[in-house]
Amino acid sequence: MPARKIRIEVYDEAGNRYTIAFEGTVTRDKALRLLDLVELLGGMPGSRTEWRNNPGPSKFDKIRLVIEKHFPIVWFTSREIQTVYEKEFNEPINISTVSTYLGRMADRHILTKGGALNNRRYRIITEISRLAQSY
């Protein structure tokens, strides 16, 4: 598996910016540790307050959050992601945008895809499924 890079920028109440960079093999456990560190710095408010000077997560990041929260081990469609995204973030998103981002996640080996083009389904690639594919 190729090395991945993660960079997280966190702003505190005083407007100070903290940048955390990680490069290497990213596992779910390591990502959760990084998020714990971000939370310790005060970067993950529990009540969806807006951060000053920070536009917030991108649509790509929001889609990934929806997938990890609502579809961690099951197959899903673009339409299902669109529906949950709009409920979760209370903002519209085009089905073509969702499909584009899901395709990019599949290209980056975050997701696996299956089915015909008119019935495309996706699923998160876990460490267990990666090991199963290597045999």
C-alpha atoms as a PDB file:
ATOM      1  CA  MET A   1       0.000   0.000   0.000  1.00  0.00           C
ATOM      2  CA  PRO A   2       1.437   3.415  -0.904  1.00  0.00           C
ATOM      3  CA  ALA A   3       2.172   5.951   1.801  1.00  0.00           C
ATOM      4  CA  ARG A   4      -0.575   8.513   2.339  1.00  0.00           C
ATOM      5  CA  LYS A   5      -0.452  12.040   3.666  1.00  0.00           C
ATOM      6  CA  ILE A   6      -2.953  13.650   6.009  1.00  0.00           C
ATOM      7  CA  ARG A   7      -2.857  17.291   6.996  1.00  0.00           C
ATOM      8  CA  ILE A   8      -5.298  18.707   9.507  1.00  0.00           C
ATOM      9  CA  GLU A   9      -5.634  22.394  10.293  1.00  0.00           C
ATOM     10  CA  VAL A  10      -7.358  23.388  13.514  1.00  0.00           C
ATOM     11  CA  TYR A  11      -8.267  26.875  14.702  1.00  0.00           C
ATOM     12  CA  ASP A  12      -8.861  27.653  18.369  1.00  0.00           C
ATOM     13  CA  GLU A  13     -11.135  30.352  19.809  1.00  0.00           C
ATOM     14  CA  ALA A  14      -8.316  32.910  19.725  1.00  0.00           C
ATOM     15  CA  GLY A  15      -7.790  32.384  16.000  1.00  0.00           C
ATOM     16  CA  ASN A  16      -4.514  30.461  16.388  1.00  0.00           C
ATOM     17  CA  ARG A  17      -3.937  27.841  13.730  1.00  0.00           C
ATOM     18  CA  TYR A  18      -2.489  24.408  14.466  1.00  0.00           C
ATOM     19  CA  THR A  19      -1.312  22.218  11.582  1.00  0.00           C
ATOM     20  CA  ILE A  20      -0.896  18.490  12.117  1.00  0.00           C
ATOM     21  CA  ALA A  21       0.759  16.487   9.356  1.00  0.00           C
ATOM     22  CA  PHE A  22       0.978  12.711   9.103  1.00  0.00           C
ATOM     23  CA  GLU A  23       2.700  10.733   6.383  1.00  0.00           C
ATOM     24  CA  GLY A  24       2.795   6.962   6.181  1.00  0.00           C
ATOM     25  CA  THR A  25       0.454   4.028   6.206  1.00  0.00           C
ATOM     26  CA  VAL A  26      -2.889   5.357   7.374  1.00  0.00           C
ATOM     27  CA  THR A  27      -5.052   2.977   9.337  1.00  0.00           C
ATOM     28  CA  ARG A  28      -8.390   3.605  10.981  1.00  0.00           C
ATOM     29  CA  ASP A  29      -6.701   3.465  14.404  1.00  0.00           C
ATOM     30  CA  LYS A  30      -4.100   6.070  13.438  1.00  0.00           C
ATOM     31  CA  ALA A  31      -6.769   8.345  11.955  1.00  0.00           C
ATOM     32  CA  LEU A  32      -8.800   8.079  15.162  1.00  0.00           C
ATOM     33  CA  ARG A  33      -5.712   8.992  17.207  1.00  0.00           C
ATOM     34  CA  LEU A  34      -5.209  12.080  15.043  1.00  0.00           C
ATOM     35  CA  LEU A  35      -8.843  13.060  15.557  1.00  0.00           C
ATOM     36  CA  ASP A  36      -8.428  12.593  19.323  1.00  0.00           C
ATOM     37  CA  LEU A  37      -5.483  14.999  19.190  1.00  0.00           C
ATOM     38  CA  VAL A  38      -7.557  17.501  17.220  1.00  0.00           C
ATOM     39  CA  GLU A  39     -10.317  17.220  19.804  1.00  0.00           C
ATOM     40  CA  LEU A  40      -7.814  17.866  22.602  1.00  0.00           C
ATOM     41  CA  LEU A  41      -6.769  21.059  20.838  1.00  0.00           C
ATOM     42  CA  GLY A  42     -10.416  22.134  20.807  1.00  0.00           C
ATOM     43  CA  GLY A  43     -10.840  21.739  17.068  1.00  0.00           C
ATOM     44  CA  MET A  44     -13.925  19.549  17.096  1.00  0.00           C
ATOM     45  CA  PRO A  45     -16.750  21.371  18.816  1.00  0.00           C
ATOM     46  CA  GLY A  46     -19.590  19.159  19.970  1.00  0.00           C
ATOM     47  CA  SER A  47     -22.271  21.604  18.835  1.00  0.00           C
ATOM     48  CA  ARG A  48     -21.465  22.335  15.170  1.00  0.00           C
ATOM     49  CA  THR A  49     -20.415  25.906  15.869  1.00  0.00           C
ATOM     50  CA  GLU A  50     -18.854  27.778  12.993  1.00  0.00           C
ATOM     51  CA  TRP A  51     -15.141  28.447  13.150  1.00  0.00           C
ATOM     52  CA  ARG A  52     -13.984  31.925  12.348  1.00  0.00           C
ATOM     53  CA  ASN A  53     -11.398  32.142   9.558  1.00  0.00           C
ATOM     54  CA  ASN A  54     -12.037  28.529   8.553  1.00  0.00           C
ATOM     55  CA  PRO A  55     -14.419  27.542   5.757  1.00  0.00           C
ATOM     56  CA  GLY A  56     -14.961  24.075   7.284  1.00  0.00           C
ATOM     57  CA  PRO A  57     -14.665  20.670   5.683  1.00  0.00           C
ATOM     58  CA  SER A  58     -14.921  20.296   1.920  1.00  0.00           C
ATOM     59  CA  LYS A  59     -17.757  18.416   0.202  1.00  0.00           C
ATOM     60  CA  PHE A  60     -15.321  15.551  -0.364  1.00  0.00           C
ATOM     61  CA  ASP A  61     -14.622  15.397   3.381  1.00  0.00           C
ATOM     62  CA  LYS A  62     -18.320  15.638   4.226  1.00  0.00           C
ATOM     63  CA  ILE A  63     -19.149  12.769   1.871  1.00  0.00           C
ATOM     64  CA  ARG A  64     -16.409  10.676   3.429  1.00  0.00           C
ATOM     65  CA  LEU A  65     -17.776  11.455   6.902  1.00  0.00           C
ATOM     66  CA  VAL A  66     -21.268  10.381   5.795  1.00  0.00           C
ATOM     67  CA  ILE A  67     -19.877   7.111   4.460  1.00  0.00           C
ATOM     68  CA  GLU A  68     -17.849   6.363   7.593  1.00  0.00           C
ATOM     69  CA  LYS A  69     -20.735   7.224   9.916  1.00  0.00           C
ATOM     70  CA  HIS A  70     -23.709   5.670   8.116  1.00  0.00           C
ATOM     71  CA  PHE A  71     -22.236   3.006   5.799  1.00  0.00           C
ATOM     72  CA  PRO A  72     -19.115   1.615   7.539  1.00  0.00           C
ATOM     73  CA  ILE A  73     -19.494  -2.002   6.368  1.00  0.00           C
ATOM     74  CA  VAL A  74     -22.336  -2.132   3.843  1.00  0.00           C
ATOM     75  CA  TRP A  75     -22.721  -1.449   0.132  1.00  0.00           C
ATOM     76  CA  PHE A  76     -24.367   1.866  -0.816  1.00  0.00           C
ATOM     77  CA  THR A  77     -25.350   3.901  -3.869  1.00  0.00           C
ATOM     78  CA  SER A  78     -24.756   7.503  -4.896  1.00  0.00           C
ATOM     79  CA  ARG A  79     -28.434   8.247  -4.304  1.00  0.00           C
ATOM     80  CA  GLU A  80     -28.238   6.930  -0.716  1.00  0.00           C
ATOM     81  CA  ILE A  81     -25.209   9.126  -0.021  1.00  0.00           C
ATOM     82  CA  GLN A  82     -27.008  12.144  -1.506  1.00  0.00           C
ATOM     83  CA  THR A  83     -30.056  11.582   0.725  1.00  0.00           C
ATOM     84  CA  VAL A  84     -28.054  11.150   3.945  1.00  0.00           C
ATOM     85  CA  TYR A  85     -25.719  14.056   3.076  1.00  0.00           C
ATOM     86  CA  GLU A  86     -28.643  16.437   2.609  1.00  0.00           C
ATOM     87  CA  LYS A  87     -30.200  15.361   5.923  1.00  0.00           C
ATOM     88  CA  GLU A  88     -26.901  15.438   7.821  1.00  0.00           C
ATOM     89  CA  PHE A  89     -25.609  18.813   6.613  1.00  0.00           C
ATOM     90  CA  ASN A  90     -28.926  20.465   5.696  1.00  0.00           C
ATOM     91  CA  GLU A  91     -27.595  21.529   2.299  1.00  0.00           C
ATOM     92  CA  PRO A  92     -28.323  20.285  -1.226  1.00  0.00           C
ATOM     93  CA  ILE A  93     -25.798  18.357  -3.292  1.00  0.00           C
ATOM     94  CA  ASN A  94     -26.122  17.202  -6.903  1.00  0.00           C
ATOM     95  CA  ILE A  95     -26.104  13.484  -7.606  1.00  0.00           C
ATOM     96  CA  SER A  96     -23.379  14.117 -10.212  1.00  0.00           C
ATOM     97  CA  THR A  97     -21.174  15.692  -7.531  1.00  0.00           C
ATOM     98  CA  VAL A  98     -21.673  12.694  -5.255  1.00  0.00           C
ATOM     99  CA  SER A  99     -20.893  10.289  -8.111  1.00  0.00           C
ATOM    100  CA  THR A 100     -17.747  12.221  -9.012  1.00  0.00           C
ATOM    101  CA  TYR A 101     -16.426  12.138  -5.452  1.00  0.00           C
ATOM    102  CA  LEU A 102     -17.281   8.455  -5.004  1.00  0.00           C
ATOM    103  CA  GLY A 103     -15.403   7.701  -8.223  1.00  0.00           C
ATOM    104  CA  ARG A 104     -12.381   9.626  -6.940  1.00  0.00           C
ATOM    105  CA  MET A 105     -12.502   7.730  -3.649  1.00  0.00           C
ATOM    106  CA  ALA A 106     -12.560   4.474  -5.602  1.00  0.00           C
ATOM    107  CA  ASP A 107      -9.570   5.655  -7.665  1.00  0.00           C
ATOM    108  CA  ARG A 108      -7.713   6.419  -4.411  1.00  0.00           C
ATOM    109  CA  HIS A 109      -8.566   2.943  -3.058  1.00  0.00           C
ATOM    110  CA  ILE A 110     -10.738   4.313  -0.252  1.00  0.00           C
ATOM    111  CA  LEU A 111     -13.786   2.591  -1.740  1.00  0.00           C
ATOM    112  CA  THR A 112     -14.396  -0.454  -3.861  1.00  0.00           C
ATOM    113  CA  LYS A 113     -17.091  -0.397  -6.513  1.00  0.00           C
ATOM    114  CA  GLY A 114     -19.229  -3.038  -8.123  1.00  0.00           C
ATOM    115  CA  GLY A 115     -22.204  -3.546 -10.366  1.00  0.00           C
ATOM    116  CA  ALA A 116     -23.100  -2.154 -13.774  1.00  0.00           C
ATOM    117  CA  LEU A 117     -22.833   1.578 -14.481  1.00  0.00           C
ATOM    118  CA  ASN A 118     -26.582   2.061 -14.072  1.00  0.00           C
ATOM    119  CA  ASN A 119     -26.547   0.115 -10.780  1.00  0.00           C
ATOM    120  CA  ARG A 120     -23.166   1.120  -9.299  1.00  0.00           C
ATOM    121  CA  ARG A 121     -22.611   0.317  -5.618  1.00  0.00           C
ATOM    122  CA  TYR A 122     -19.704   1.230  -3.349  1.00  0.00           C
ATOM    123  CA  ARG A 123     -18.214   0.038  -0.063  1.00  0.00           C
ATOM    124  CA  ILE A 124     -15.358   1.202   2.163  1.00  0.00           C
ATOM    125  CA  ILE A 125     -12.195  -0.838   1.779  1.00  0.00           C
ATOM    126  CA  THR A 126     -11.168  -2.012   5.251  1.00  0.00           C
ATOM    127  CA  GLU A 127      -7.929  -3.628   6.342  1.00  0.00           C
ATOM    128  CA  ILE A 128      -9.743  -6.986   6.466  1.00  0.00           C
ATOM    129  CA  SER A 129     -11.009  -6.664   2.898  1.00  0.00           C
ATOM    130  CA  ARG A 130      -7.524  -5.618   1.725  1.00  0.00           C
ATOM    131  CA  LEU A 131      -6.050  -8.759   3.296  1.00  0.00           C
ATOM    132  CA  ALA A 132      -8.778 -10.914   1.728  1.00  0.00           C
ATOM    133  CA  GLN A 133      -8.053  -9.428  -1.729  1.00  0.00           C
ATOM    134  CA  SER A 134      -4.344 -10.196  -1.431  1.00  0.00           C
ATOM    135  CA  TYR A 135      -4.952 -13.953  -1.087  1.00  0.00           C
END
